């Protein structure tokens, strides 16, 4: 590197540093979006939400409209040769439903020096009877006090549901955890890599699958209910709060243990056992390849 090139290179670097220092003194956000409005929805309508990288809270109330509060900020320090979001959001009232989704135009900043910081929250208050149809990517969801159907399909992120009393809760995650406190009706969940934790349930039907995570379910058993839990490598703990029925356990290389109240344990083969619990006629099927299985009765 000759002297002239060194001088030109150092001049450019000093120029960029001085620009970065000047920018650091400017507290304005590089991108900012705020939404605080109410929208119409029918009494039994569906709220459709599509987002990414957000912290989402949806709360059911006695109101008859939907209050949507969104706050998004993007701060850049230095210069970045990466694409950044020029963030906007569309909200449409359509045939009694409400559609909320991101609209993004892309732009490229100057140079890859520095970092990007994003803060993104969505808070929604909705009538309790509204159903949810959610599609996301890297979001975390907190949902409570709803009586409509809930459907969540997300690549990554955690889902927490409390005080749910609708007919069907359906959650599909690639990588994340599902926590449900309360609930009844039908629970369907499929998670590739994450745990499923259900407490104080009163479900008539459960169908849960986890690739590598553990499954813990505490629920009443409906007399005509059907309950299926499957995990490739995770442990499964199933606790009966009330009711009874027949339990078929296929456990592969794992072990099975039961609390007082369960009878049977006879094997159809070395990898499969049958148990009974008095108090009802529910059908329970548990499948795991390498995890252990524990059956509890808290009656």
C-alpha atoms as a PDB file:
ATOM      1  CA  UNK A   1       0.000   0.000   0.000  1.00  0.00           C
ATOM      2  CA  UNK A   2       1.634   3.272  -1.149  1.00  0.00           C
ATOM      3  CA  UNK A   3       1.605   6.413   0.953  1.00  0.00           C
ATOM      4  CA  UNK A   4      -0.965   8.175  -1.189  1.00  0.00           C
ATOM      5  CA  UNK A   5      -3.414   5.286  -0.851  1.00  0.00           C
ATOM      6  CA  UNK A   6      -2.837   5.145   2.920  1.00  0.00           C
ATOM      7  CA  UNK A   7      -3.638   8.833   3.237  1.00  0.00           C
ATOM      8  CA  UNK A   8      -6.812   8.506   1.142  1.00  0.00           C
ATOM      9  CA  UNK A   9      -7.916   5.422   3.090  1.00  0.00           C
ATOM     10  CA  UNK A  10      -7.339   7.089   6.470  1.00  0.00           C
ATOM     11  CA  UNK A  11      -9.165  10.188   5.261  1.00  0.00           C
ATOM     12  CA  UNK A  12     -12.209   8.104   4.354  1.00  0.00           C
ATOM     13  CA  UNK A  13     -12.136   6.306   7.711  1.00  0.00           C
ATOM     14  CA  UNK A  14     -11.883   9.557   9.642  1.00  0.00           C
ATOM     15  CA  UNK A  15     -14.712  11.000   7.585  1.00  0.00           C
ATOM     16  CA  UNK A  16     -16.943   8.024   8.364  1.00  0.00           C
ATOM     17  CA  UNK A  17     -16.079   8.173  12.061  1.00  0.00           C
ATOM     18  CA  UNK A  18     -16.890  11.869  12.211  1.00  0.00           C
ATOM     19  CA  UNK A  19     -20.226  11.229  10.510  1.00  0.00           C
ATOM     20  CA  UNK A  20     -20.939   8.416  12.955  1.00  0.00           C
ATOM     21  CA  UNK A  21     -20.128  10.660  15.930  1.00  0.00           C
ATOM     22  CA  UNK A  22     -22.393  13.361  14.542  1.00  0.00           C
ATOM     23  CA  UNK A  23     -25.170  10.837  14.077  1.00  0.00           C
ATOM     24  CA  UNK A  24     -24.700   9.498  17.622  1.00  0.00           C
ATOM     25  CA  UNK A  25     -25.575  12.962  18.922  1.00  0.00           C
ATOM     26  CA  UNK A  26     -28.877  12.855  17.051  1.00  0.00           C
ATOM     27  CA  UNK A  27     -31.547  11.106  19.151  1.00  0.00           C
ATOM     28  CA  UNK A  28     -34.038  10.780  16.297  1.00  0.00           C
ATOM     29  CA  UNK A  29     -35.076   7.250  15.356  1.00  0.00           C
ATOM     30  CA  UNK A  30     -34.040   5.958  11.930  1.00  0.00           C
ATOM     31  CA  UNK A  31     -37.531   4.558  11.564  1.00  0.00           C
ATOM     32  CA  UNK A  32     -40.559   4.899  13.815  1.00  0.00           C
ATOM     33  CA  UNK A  33     -44.184   3.849  13.572  1.00  0.00           C
ATOM     34  CA  UNK A  34     -46.995   4.387  16.076  1.00  0.00           C
ATOM     35  CA  UNK A  35     -50.601   3.271  15.840  1.00  0.00           C
ATOM     36  CA  UNK A  36     -53.308   3.850  18.455  1.00  0.00           C
ATOM     37  CA  UNK A  37     -56.795   3.359  17.018  1.00  0.00           C
ATOM     38  CA  UNK A  38     -60.032   1.423  17.413  1.00  0.00           C
ATOM     39  CA  UNK A  39     -61.629  -0.689  14.676  1.00  0.00           C
ATOM     40  CA  UNK A  40     -64.943  -2.449  14.113  1.00  0.00           C
ATOM     41  CA  UNK A  41     -65.353  -6.223  14.250  1.00  0.00           C
ATOM     42  CA  UNK A  42     -68.450  -8.409  14.364  1.00  0.00           C
ATOM     43  CA  UNK A  43     -69.409 -10.091  17.625  1.00  0.00           C
ATOM     44  CA  UNK A  44     -68.139 -13.484  16.455  1.00  0.00           C
ATOM     45  CA  UNK A  45     -65.663 -12.220  13.873  1.00  0.00           C
ATOM     46  CA  UNK A  46     -62.040 -13.236  13.390  1.00  0.00           C
ATOM     47  CA  UNK A  47     -58.988 -11.106  14.027  1.00  0.00           C
ATOM     48  CA  UNK A  48     -56.223 -11.943  11.525  1.00  0.00           C
ATOM     49  CA  UNK A  49     -52.703 -10.909  12.544  1.00  0.00           C
ATOM     50  CA  UNK A  50     -49.467 -11.297  10.580  1.00  0.00           C
ATOM     51  CA  UNK A  51     -46.233  -9.986  12.128  1.00  0.00           C
ATOM     52  CA  UNK A  52     -42.561 -10.745  12.711  1.00  0.00           C
ATOM     53  CA  UNK A  53     -40.144 -10.109  15.587  1.00  0.00           C
ATOM     54  CA  UNK A  54     -42.845  -8.552  17.770  1.00  0.00           C
ATOM     55  CA  UNK A  55     -43.943  -8.905  21.369  1.00  0.00           C
ATOM     56  CA  UNK A  56     -47.680  -9.437  21.008  1.00  0.00           C
ATOM     57  CA  UNK A  57     -50.333  -9.239  23.735  1.00  0.00           C
ATOM     58  CA  UNK A  58     -53.998  -9.909  22.968  1.00  0.00           C
ATOM     59  CA  UNK A  59     -56.512  -9.418  25.778  1.00  0.00           C
ATOM     60  CA  UNK A  60     -60.231 -10.211  25.683  1.00  0.00           C
ATOM     61  CA  UNK A  61     -62.545  -7.615  27.252  1.00  0.00           C
ATOM     62  CA  UNK A  62     -66.211  -6.604  27.341  1.00  0.00           C
ATOM     63  CA  UNK A  63     -65.692  -3.953  24.678  1.00  0.00           C
ATOM     64  CA  UNK A  64     -67.446  -4.283  21.279  1.00  0.00           C
ATOM     65  CA  UNK A  65     -64.595  -2.976  19.132  1.00  0.00           C
ATOM     66  CA  UNK A  66     -60.864  -3.657  18.792  1.00  0.00           C
ATOM     67  CA  UNK A  67     -58.264  -1.309  20.200  1.00  0.00           C
ATOM     68  CA  UNK A  68     -54.923  -1.692  18.413  1.00  0.00           C
ATOM     69  CA  UNK A  69     -51.762  -0.149  19.822  1.00  0.00           C
ATOM     70  CA  UNK A  70     -48.523  -0.671  17.867  1.00  0.00           C
ATOM     71  CA  UNK A  71     -45.146   0.861  18.610  1.00  0.00           C
ATOM     72  CA  UNK A  72     -42.121   0.229  16.396  1.00  0.00           C
ATOM     73  CA  UNK A  73     -38.730   1.946  16.562  1.00  0.00           C
ATOM     74  CA  UNK A  74     -35.491   1.304  14.711  1.00  0.00           C
ATOM     75  CA  UNK A  75     -32.205   2.850  15.818  1.00  0.00           C
ATOM     76  CA  UNK A  76     -28.978   2.514  13.835  1.00  0.00           C
ATOM     77  CA  UNK A  77     -25.547   3.379  15.165  1.00  0.00           C
ATOM     78  CA  UNK A  78     -22.848   3.695  12.538  1.00  0.00           C
ATOM     79  CA  UNK A  79     -23.413   2.597   8.987  1.00  0.00           C
ATOM     80  CA  UNK A  80     -24.859  -0.642   7.742  1.00  0.00           C
ATOM     81  CA  UNK A  81     -24.753  -2.463   4.445  1.00  0.00           C
ATOM     82  CA  UNK A  82     -27.762  -4.526   5.470  1.00  0.00           C
ATOM     83  CA  UNK A  83     -31.407  -4.145   4.608  1.00  0.00           C
ATOM     84  CA  UNK A  84     -33.480  -2.365   7.211  1.00  0.00           C
ATOM     85  CA  UNK A  85     -37.206  -2.041   7.644  1.00  0.00           C
ATOM     86  CA  UNK A  86     -39.103   0.995   6.577  1.00  0.00           C
ATOM     87  CA  UNK A  87     -42.027  -0.069   8.685  1.00  0.00           C
ATOM     88  CA  UNK A  88     -45.713   0.468   8.055  1.00  0.00           C
ATOM     89  CA  UNK A  89     -48.819  -1.505   8.991  1.00  0.00           C
ATOM     90  CA  UNK A  90     -52.100  -2.176   7.204  1.00  0.00           C
ATOM     91  CA  UNK A  91     -55.366  -2.586   9.130  1.00  0.00           C
ATOM     92  CA  UNK A  92     -58.483  -3.527   7.146  1.00  0.00           C
ATOM     93  CA  UNK A  93     -62.077  -4.088   8.255  1.00  0.00           C
ATOM     94  CA  UNK A  94     -63.523  -6.735   5.951  1.00  0.00           C
ATOM     95  CA  UNK A  95     -66.824  -8.652   6.130  1.00  0.00           C
ATOM     96  CA  UNK A  96     -66.980  -8.418   9.904  1.00  0.00           C
ATOM     97  CA  UNK A  97     -63.357  -9.526  10.373  1.00  0.00           C
ATOM     98  CA  UNK A  98     -60.282  -7.429  11.095  1.00  0.00           C
ATOM     99  CA  UNK A  99     -56.979  -7.909   9.215  1.00  0.00           C
ATOM    100  CA  UNK A 100     -53.751  -6.554  10.705  1.00  0.00           C
ATOM    101  CA  UNK A 101     -50.472  -7.026   8.857  1.00  0.00           C
ATOM    102  CA  UNK A 102     -47.092  -5.467   8.224  1.00  0.00           C
ATOM    103  CA  UNK A 103     -46.261  -3.557   5.083  1.00  0.00           C
ATOM    104  CA  UNK A 104     -42.553  -3.119   4.548  1.00  0.00           C
ATOM    105  CA  UNK A 105     -40.564  -1.220   1.929  1.00  0.00           C
ATOM    106  CA  UNK A 106     -36.902  -2.131   1.904  1.00  0.00           C
ATOM    107  CA  UNK A 107     -33.941   0.188   1.680  1.00  0.00           C
ATOM    108  CA  UNK A 108     -30.181  -0.299   2.078  1.00  0.00           C
ATOM    109  CA  UNK A 109     -28.018   1.899   4.288  1.00  0.00           C
ATOM    110  CA  UNK A 110     -24.447   2.987   3.638  1.00  0.00           C
ATOM    111  CA  UNK A 111     -21.772   0.881   5.334  1.00  0.00           C
ATOM    112  CA  UNK A 112     -21.534  -2.149   7.627  1.00  0.00           C
ATOM    113  CA  UNK A 113     -20.154  -0.407  10.710  1.00  0.00           C
ATOM    114  CA  UNK A 114     -22.281  -0.244  13.852  1.00  0.00           C
ATOM    115  CA  UNK A 115     -25.451  -2.050  14.854  1.00  0.00           C
ATOM    116  CA  UNK A 116     -29.224  -2.014  14.517  1.00  0.00           C
ATOM    117  CA  UNK A 117     -31.644  -2.019  17.465  1.00  0.00           C
ATOM    118  CA  UNK A 118     -35.350  -2.691  16.998  1.00  0.00           C
ATOM    119  CA  UNK A 119     -38.192  -2.415  19.530  1.00  0.00           C
ATOM    120  CA  UNK A 120     -41.592  -3.698  18.417  1.00  0.00           C
ATOM    121  CA  UNK A 121     -44.738  -4.258  20.483  1.00  0.00           C
ATOM    122  CA  UNK A 122     -48.348  -4.989  19.531  1.00  0.00           C
ATOM    123  CA  UNK A 123     -51.070  -4.649  22.179  1.00  0.00           C
ATOM    124  CA  UNK A 124     -54.641  -5.514  21.227  1.00  0.00           C
ATOM    125  CA  UNK A 125     -57.837  -5.342  23.274  1.00  0.00           C
ATOM    126  CA  UNK A 126     -60.659  -7.251  21.635  1.00  0.00           C
ATOM    127  CA  UNK A 127     -64.143  -8.579  22.429  1.00  0.00           C
ATOM    128  CA  UNK A 128     -63.888 -11.910  24.261  1.00  0.00           C
ATOM    129  CA  UNK A 129     -65.906 -13.825  21.643  1.00  0.00           C
ATOM    130  CA  UNK A 130     -63.590 -12.951  18.760  1.00  0.00           C
ATOM    131  CA  UNK A 131     -61.529 -15.745  17.149  1.00  0.00           C
ATOM    132  CA  UNK A 132     -57.832 -15.380  16.308  1.00  0.00           C
ATOM    133  CA  UNK A 133     -55.925 -16.420  13.187  1.00  0.00           C
ATOM    134  CA  UNK A 134     -52.266 -15.584  13.756  1.00  0.00           C
ATOM    135  CA  UNK A 135     -49.248 -16.079  11.482  1.00  0.00           C
ATOM    136  CA  UNK A 136     -45.840 -15.020  12.754  1.00  0.00           C
ATOM    137  CA  UNK A 137     -42.075 -15.285  12.579  1.00  0.00           C
ATOM    138  CA  UNK A 138     -39.961 -14.876  15.735  1.00  0.00           C
ATOM    139  CA  UNK A 139     -42.824 -13.342  17.704  1.00  0.00           C
ATOM    140  CA  UNK A 140     -43.738 -13.983  21.336  1.00  0.00           C
ATOM    141  CA  UNK A 141     -47.467 -14.109  22.129  1.00  0.00           C
ATOM    142  CA  UNK A 142     -49.427 -13.560  25.321  1.00  0.00           C
ATOM    143  CA  UNK A 143     -53.147 -14.286  24.871  1.00  0.00           C
ATOM    144  CA  UNK A 144     -55.773 -14.254  27.595  1.00  0.00           C
ATOM    145  CA  UNK A 145     -59.497 -14.179  28.392  1.00  0.00           C
ATOM    146  CA  UNK A 146     -60.932 -15.269  25.023  1.00  0.00           C
ATOM    147  CA  UNK A 147     -63.887 -17.517  24.174  1.00  0.00           C
ATOM    148  CA  UNK A 148     -63.443 -17.759  20.379  1.00  0.00           C
ATOM    149  CA  UNK A 149     -61.276 -20.231  18.484  1.00  0.00           C
ATOM    150  CA  UNK A 150     -57.537 -19.552  18.465  1.00  0.00           C
ATOM    151  CA  UNK A 151     -55.143 -20.588  15.692  1.00  0.00           C
ATOM    152  CA  UNK A 152     -51.433 -19.729  15.829  1.00  0.00           C
ATOM    153  CA  UNK A 153     -48.844 -20.731  13.204  1.00  0.00           C
ATOM    154  CA  UNK A 154     -45.353 -19.344  13.789  1.00  0.00           C
ATOM    155  CA  UNK A 155     -41.803 -20.261  12.812  1.00  0.00           C
ATOM    156  CA  UNK A 156     -40.209 -19.366  16.131  1.00  0.00           C
ATOM    157  CA  UNK A 157     -41.349 -17.853  19.396  1.00  0.00           C
ATOM    158  CA  UNK A 158     -43.228 -18.705  22.556  1.00  0.00           C
ATOM    159  CA  UNK A 159     -47.002 -18.777  23.048  1.00  0.00           C
ATOM    160  CA  UNK A 160     -48.720 -18.238  26.397  1.00  0.00           C
ATOM    161  CA  UNK A 161     -52.512 -18.659  26.738  1.00  0.00           C
ATOM    162  CA  UNK A 162     -54.490 -18.037  29.934  1.00  0.00           C
ATOM    163  CA  UNK A 163     -58.184 -18.138  30.883  1.00  0.00           C
ATOM    164  CA  UNK A 164     -59.216 -19.689  27.565  1.00  0.00           C
ATOM    165  CA  UNK A 165     -62.771 -21.044  27.281  1.00  0.00           C
ATOM    166  CA  UNK A 166     -63.293 -21.448  23.538  1.00  0.00           C
ATOM    167  CA  UNK A 167     -63.978 -24.565  21.484  1.00  0.00           C
ATOM    168  CA  UNK A 168     -60.573 -25.048  19.841  1.00  0.00           C
ATOM    169  CA  UNK A 169     -57.007 -23.946  20.516  1.00  0.00           C
ATOM    170  CA  UNK A 170     -54.623 -24.848  17.662  1.00  0.00           C
ATOM    171  CA  UNK A 171     -50.920 -23.964  17.912  1.00  0.00           C
ATOM    172  CA  UNK A 172     -48.219 -24.921  15.394  1.00  0.00           C
ATOM    173  CA  UNK A 173     -44.631 -23.841  16.111  1.00  0.00           C
ATOM    174  CA  UNK A 174     -41.300 -24.743  14.530  1.00  0.00           C
ATOM    175  CA  UNK A 175     -39.156 -23.710  17.485  1.00  0.00           C
ATOM    176  CA  UNK A 176     -40.791 -22.425  20.651  1.00  0.00           C
ATOM    177  CA  UNK A 177     -42.713 -23.282  23.780  1.00  0.00           C
ATOM    178  CA  UNK A 178     -46.431 -23.446  24.470  1.00  0.00           C
ATOM    179  CA  UNK A 179     -47.869 -22.704  27.909  1.00  0.00           C
ATOM    180  CA  UNK A 180     -51.611 -22.936  28.568  1.00  0.00           C
ATOM    181  CA  UNK A 181     -53.239 -22.205  31.908  1.00  0.00           C
ATOM    182  CA  UNK A 182     -56.872 -23.299  31.999  1.00  0.00           C
ATOM    183  CA  UNK A 183     -58.946 -24.001  28.933  1.00  0.00           C
ATOM    184  CA  UNK A 184     -61.464 -26.527  27.662  1.00  0.00           C
ATOM    185  CA  UNK A 185     -62.800 -27.876  24.380  1.00  0.00           C
ATOM    186  CA  UNK A 186     -60.191 -29.145  21.907  1.00  0.00           C
ATOM    187  CA  UNK A 187     -56.426 -28.576  22.107  1.00  0.00           C
ATOM    188  CA  UNK A 188     -54.277 -29.272  19.046  1.00  0.00           C
ATOM    189  CA  UNK A 189     -50.573 -28.462  19.114  1.00  0.00           C
ATOM    190  CA  UNK A 190     -47.529 -29.404  17.068  1.00  0.00           C
ATOM    191  CA  UNK A 191     -44.059 -28.169  17.977  1.00  0.00           C
ATOM    192  CA  UNK A 192     -40.871 -29.265  16.242  1.00  0.00           C
ATOM    193  CA  UNK A 193     -38.454 -28.214  18.977  1.00  0.00           C
ATOM    194  CA  UNK A 194     -39.993 -26.978  22.202  1.00  0.00           C
ATOM    195  CA  UNK A 195     -42.055 -27.939  25.221  1.00  0.00           C
ATOM    196  CA  UNK A 196     -45.812 -28.089  25.828  1.00  0.00           C
ATOM    197  CA  UNK A 197     -47.108 -27.232  29.309  1.00  0.00           C
ATOM    198  CA  UNK A 198     -50.864 -27.347  30.035  1.00  0.00           C
ATOM    199  CA  UNK A 199     -52.222 -26.764  33.539  1.00  0.00           C
ATOM    200  CA  UNK A 200     -55.711 -26.889  35.067  1.00  0.00           C
ATOM    201  CA  UNK A 201     -57.346 -27.961  31.814  1.00  0.00           C
ATOM    202  CA  UNK A 202     -60.869 -29.263  31.248  1.00  0.00           C
ATOM    203  CA  UNK A 203     -60.390 -30.555  27.718  1.00  0.00           C
ATOM    204  CA  UNK A 204     -62.600 -33.004  25.847  1.00  0.00           C
ATOM    205  CA  UNK A 205     -59.945 -33.688  23.235  1.00  0.00           C
ATOM    206  CA  UNK A 206     -56.167 -33.218  23.131  1.00  0.00           C
ATOM    207  CA  UNK A 207     -53.782 -33.981  20.269  1.00  0.00           C
ATOM    208  CA  UNK A 208     -50.240 -32.772  20.969  1.00  0.00           C
ATOM    209  CA  UNK A 209     -46.920 -33.502  19.278  1.00  0.00           C
ATOM    210  CA  UNK A 210     -43.413 -32.349  20.159  1.00  0.00           C
ATOM    211  CA  UNK A 211     -40.323 -33.376  18.238  1.00  0.00           C
ATOM    212  CA  UNK A 212     -37.670 -33.007  20.915  1.00  0.00           C
ATOM    213  CA  UNK A 213     -39.389 -31.248  23.801  1.00  0.00           C
ATOM    214  CA  UNK A 214     -41.212 -32.412  26.884  1.00  0.00           C
ATOM    215  CA  UNK A 215     -45.000 -32.535  27.318  1.00  0.00           C
ATOM    216  CA  UNK A 216     -46.750 -31.865  30.615  1.00  0.00           C
ATOM    217  CA  UNK A 217     -50.541 -31.880  30.734  1.00  0.00           C
ATOM    218  CA  UNK A 218     -52.848 -31.543  33.771  1.00  0.00           C
ATOM    219  CA  UNK A 219     -56.514 -31.896  32.846  1.00  0.00           C
ATOM    220  CA  UNK A 220     -59.912 -33.279  33.741  1.00  0.00           C
ATOM    221  CA  UNK A 221     -60.935 -36.243  31.603  1.00  0.00           C
ATOM    222  CA  UNK A 222     -64.232 -36.060  29.752  1.00  0.00           C
ATOM    223  CA  UNK A 223     -66.166 -39.325  29.916  1.00  0.00           C
ATOM    224  CA  UNK A 224     -66.151 -39.572  26.110  1.00  0.00           C
ATOM    225  CA  UNK A 225     -62.873 -37.738  25.618  1.00  0.00           C
ATOM    226  CA  UNK A 226     -59.833 -38.701  23.529  1.00  0.00           C
ATOM    227  CA  UNK A 227     -56.307 -37.609  24.446  1.00  0.00           C
ATOM    228  CA  UNK A 228     -53.156 -38.213  22.428  1.00  0.00           C
ATOM    229  CA  UNK A 229     -49.611 -37.080  23.271  1.00  0.00           C
ATOM    230  CA  UNK A 230     -46.490 -37.844  21.230  1.00  0.00           C
ATOM    231  CA  UNK A 231     -42.833 -36.860  21.626  1.00  0.00           C
ATOM    232  CA  UNK A 232     -39.805 -38.305  19.875  1.00  0.00           C
ATOM    233  CA  UNK A 233     -37.184 -37.642  22.545  1.00  0.00           C
ATOM    234  CA  UNK A 234     -38.980 -35.734  25.294  1.00  0.00           C
ATOM    235  CA  UNK A 235     -40.569 -36.848  28.544  1.00  0.00           C
ATOM    236  CA  UNK A 236     -44.349 -36.923  28.972  1.00  0.00           C
ATOM    237  CA  UNK A 237     -46.105 -36.285  32.291  1.00  0.00           C
ATOM    238  CA  UNK A 238     -49.891 -36.623  32.236  1.00  0.00           C
ATOM    239  CA  UNK A 239     -51.916 -35.781  35.334  1.00  0.00           C
ATOM    240  CA  UNK A 240     -55.605 -36.621  35.696  1.00  0.00           C
ATOM    241  CA  UNK A 241     -57.433 -34.010  37.776  1.00  0.00           C
ATOM    242  CA  UNK A 242     -60.799 -35.800  37.604  1.00  0.00           C
ATOM    243  CA  UNK A 243     -62.381 -38.620  35.617  1.00  0.00           C
ATOM    244  CA  UNK A 244     -60.877 -41.871  34.430  1.00  0.00           C
ATOM    245  CA  UNK A 245     -60.435 -44.193  31.487  1.00  0.00           C
ATOM    246  CA  UNK A 246     -58.025 -46.424  29.584  1.00  0.00           C
ATOM    247  CA  UNK A 247     -54.367 -45.530  29.011  1.00  0.00           C
ATOM    248  CA  UNK A 248     -52.226 -47.010  26.243  1.00  0.00           C
ATOM    249  CA  UNK A 249     -48.523 -46.161  26.493  1.00  0.00           C
ATOM    250  CA  UNK A 250     -45.943 -46.880  23.787  1.00  0.00           C
ATOM    251  CA  UNK A 251     -42.585 -45.959  25.234  1.00  0.00           C
ATOM    252  CA  UNK A 252     -39.722 -47.212  23.053  1.00  0.00           C
ATOM    253  CA  UNK A 253     -36.505 -47.006  25.084  1.00  0.00           C
ATOM    254  CA  UNK A 254     -38.057 -44.969  27.920  1.00  0.00           C
ATOM    255  CA  UNK A 255     -39.550 -46.009  31.247  1.00  0.00           C
ATOM    256  CA  UNK A 256     -43.124 -45.764  32.539  1.00  0.00           C
ATOM    257  CA  UNK A 257     -44.212 -45.000  36.095  1.00  0.00           C
ATOM    258  CA  UNK A 258     -47.697 -44.499  37.558  1.00  0.00           C
ATOM    259  CA  UNK A 259     -49.148 -43.099  40.767  1.00  0.00           C
ATOM    260  CA  UNK A 260     -51.622 -44.772  43.093  1.00  0.00           C
ATOM    261  CA  UNK A 261     -54.997 -45.429  41.472  1.00  0.00           C
ATOM    262  CA  UNK A 262     -53.789 -46.842  38.178  1.00  0.00           C
ATOM    263  CA  UNK A 263     -54.158 -50.554  37.603  1.00  0.00           C
ATOM    264  CA  UNK A 264     -52.893 -52.878  34.933  1.00  0.00           C
ATOM    265  CA  UNK A 265     -49.494 -52.319  33.413  1.00  0.00           C
ATOM    266  CA  UNK A 266     -49.643 -55.482  31.382  1.00  0.00           C
ATOM    267  CA  UNK A 267     -47.602 -55.441  28.205  1.00  0.00           C
ATOM    268  CA  UNK A 268     -48.793 -56.176  24.710  1.00  0.00           C
ATOM    269  CA  UNK A 269     -45.061 -56.240  23.953  1.00  0.00           C
ATOM    270  CA  UNK A 270     -41.936 -54.904  25.656  1.00  0.00           C
ATOM    271  CA  UNK A 271     -42.534 -51.381  24.332  1.00  0.00           C
ATOM    272  CA  UNK A 272     -46.260 -51.021  25.087  1.00  0.00           C
ATOM    273  CA  UNK A 273     -48.365 -51.072  28.262  1.00  0.00           C
ATOM    274  CA  UNK A 274     -52.030 -50.665  29.153  1.00  0.00           C
ATOM    275  CA  UNK A 275     -53.430 -49.074  32.333  1.00  0.00           C
ATOM    276  CA  UNK A 276     -56.857 -48.263  33.720  1.00  0.00           C
ATOM    277  CA  UNK A 277     -58.112 -45.557  36.049  1.00  0.00           C
ATOM    278  CA  UNK A 278     -61.615 -45.793  37.498  1.00  0.00           C
ATOM    279  CA  UNK A 279     -64.033 -42.900  37.135  1.00  0.00           C
ATOM    280  CA  UNK A 280     -64.743 -42.694  33.417  1.00  0.00           C
ATOM    281  CA  UNK A 281     -64.392 -43.985  29.880  1.00  0.00           C
ATOM    282  CA  UNK A 282     -61.865 -41.593  28.342  1.00  0.00           C
ATOM    283  CA  UNK A 283     -59.267 -42.937  25.917  1.00  0.00           C
ATOM    284  CA  UNK A 284     -55.654 -41.817  26.450  1.00  0.00           C
ATOM    285  CA  UNK A 285     -52.766 -42.709  24.126  1.00  0.00           C
ATOM    286  CA  UNK A 286     -49.152 -41.733  24.830  1.00  0.00           C
ATOM    287  CA  UNK A 287     -46.206 -42.275  22.474  1.00  0.00           C
ATOM    288  CA  UNK A 288     -42.516 -41.531  23.041  1.00  0.00           C
ATOM    289  CA  UNK A 289     -39.351 -43.045  21.580  1.00  0.00           C
ATOM    290  CA  UNK A 290     -36.678 -42.171  24.120  1.00  0.00           C
ATOM    291  CA  UNK A 291     -38.370 -40.219  26.924  1.00  0.00           C
ATOM    292  CA  UNK A 292     -39.943 -41.471  30.150  1.00  0.00           C
ATOM    293  CA  UNK A 293     -43.683 -41.427  30.830  1.00  0.00           C
ATOM    294  CA  UNK A 294     -45.343 -40.576  34.156  1.00  0.00           C
ATOM    295  CA  UNK A 295     -49.058 -41.005  34.835  1.00  0.00           C
ATOM    296  CA  UNK A 296     -50.474 -39.161  37.861  1.00  0.00           C
ATOM    297  CA  UNK A 297     -53.905 -39.058  39.456  1.00  0.00           C
ATOM    298  CA  UNK A 298     -54.814 -36.087  41.643  1.00  0.00           C
ATOM    299  CA  UNK A 299     -58.426 -37.187  42.171  1.00  0.00           C
END
